Amino acid sequence: MQAALDEGVSLQVALAQVIRAYGVKEYARLARMAPPNLLRAVRPRSNPTQVSLNRILKPLGLQLSVGPLKAKTVGHAA
């Protein structure tokens, strides 16, 4: 998963690859989501909620969070 993200693959595409490799029905059971809803959430054009993403990430021992950028930023946001 990390390698895919490091290569510029979107989170949803990387998750879709993991889910299909694991087996959609089994992963949906682990994420406690219906298989169609799980697949819909990881479509590249979908806009899943943070709650949905965290449900999908939980079986991998991950969660969505926000943190400071590691790179030095130029300027400040208003």
Protein backbone atom coordinates (compact mmCIF):
# COMPACT_ATOMS: atom_id res chain seq x y z
CA MET A 1 0.00 0.00 0.00
CA GLN A 2 2.74 2.46 0.96
CA ALA A 3 4.71 1.65 -2.19
CA ALA A 4 1.68 2.43 -4.36
CA LEU A 5 1.11 5.75 -2.59
CA ASP A 6 4.81 6.62 -2.88
CA GLU A 7 4.55 6.04 -6.64
CA GLY A 8 1.68 8.53 -6.91
CA VAL A 9 -1.19 6.04 -7.04
CA SER A 10 -4.31 7.51 -5.43
CA LEU A 11 -5.48 6.15 -2.09
CA GLN A 12 -8.69 4.83 -3.61
CA VAL A 13 -6.92 2.98 -6.43
CA ALA A 14 -4.40 1.48 -3.99
CA LEU A 15 -7.22 0.36 -1.68
CA ALA A 16 -9.13 -1.15 -4.61
CA GLN A 17 -6.07 -3.22 -5.53
CA VAL A 18 -5.66 -4.45 -1.95
CA ILE A 19 -9.37 -5.25 -1.64
CA ARG A 20 -9.46 -7.24 -4.88
CA ALA A 21 -6.28 -9.12 -3.93
CA TYR A 22 -7.79 -9.99 -0.55
CA GLY A 23 -11.21 -10.90 -1.97
CA VAL A 24 -14.07 -8.40 -2.08
CA LYS A 25 -16.55 -10.44 -0.03
CA GLU A 26 -14.03 -11.27 2.68
CA TYR A 27 -12.71 -7.72 2.90
CA ALA A 28 -16.26 -6.32 2.99
CA ARG A 29 -16.97 -8.60 5.94
CA LEU A 30 -13.86 -7.34 7.76
CA ALA A 31 -14.74 -3.70 7.01
CA ARG A 32 -18.38 -4.34 7.98
CA MET A 33 -19.64 -2.94 4.68
CA ALA A 34 -21.77 -4.38 1.90
CA PRO A 35 -19.53 -5.42 -1.04
CA PRO A 36 -21.22 -3.02 -3.51
CA ASN A 37 -20.76 -0.11 -1.09
CA LEU A 38 -17.13 -1.05 -0.53
CA LEU A 39 -16.39 -1.12 -4.25
CA ARG A 40 -18.30 2.12 -4.80
CA ALA A 41 -16.21 3.87 -2.12
CA VAL A 42 -12.92 2.99 -3.80
CA ARG A 43 -13.91 4.01 -7.32
CA PRO A 44 -11.57 6.78 -8.51
CA ARG A 45 -14.42 9.22 -9.17
CA SER A 46 -16.23 8.62 -5.87
CA ASN A 47 -16.03 10.91 -2.88
CA PRO A 48 -16.15 8.67 0.22
CA THR A 49 -16.56 10.14 3.68
CA GLN A 50 -13.83 9.99 6.29
CA VAL A 51 -15.95 7.46 8.18
CA SER A 52 -16.12 5.18 5.12
CA LEU A 53 -12.39 5.47 4.46
CA ASN A 54 -11.59 4.65 8.08
CA ARG A 55 -13.87 1.58 7.95
CA ILE A 56 -12.02 0.45 4.83
CA LEU A 57 -8.58 1.12 6.35
CA LYS A 58 -9.27 -0.47 9.75
CA PRO A 59 -8.70 -4.12 8.64
CA LEU A 60 -5.23 -3.00 7.49
CA GLY A 61 -4.50 -1.48 10.90
CA LEU A 62 -4.59 2.02 9.42
CA GLN A 63 -6.67 5.17 9.82
CA LEU A 64 -6.99 8.45 7.99
CA SER A 65 -5.41 11.36 9.84
CA VAL A 66 -3.97 14.80 9.33
CA GLY A 67 -0.45 15.86 10.23
CA PRO A 68 2.12 18.51 9.44
CA LEU A 69 3.93 18.41 6.12
CA LYS A 70 7.49 17.14 6.32
CA ALA A 71 8.74 19.38 3.53
CA LYS A 72 9.49 23.04 4.19
CA THR A 73 6.63 25.17 2.89
CA VAL A 74 6.99 28.53 1.24
CA GLY A 75 4.52 31.19 2.37
CA HIS A 76 1.50 30.80 4.57
CA ALA A 77 -2.15 30.13 3.89
CA ALA A 78 -4.49 33.01 4.63
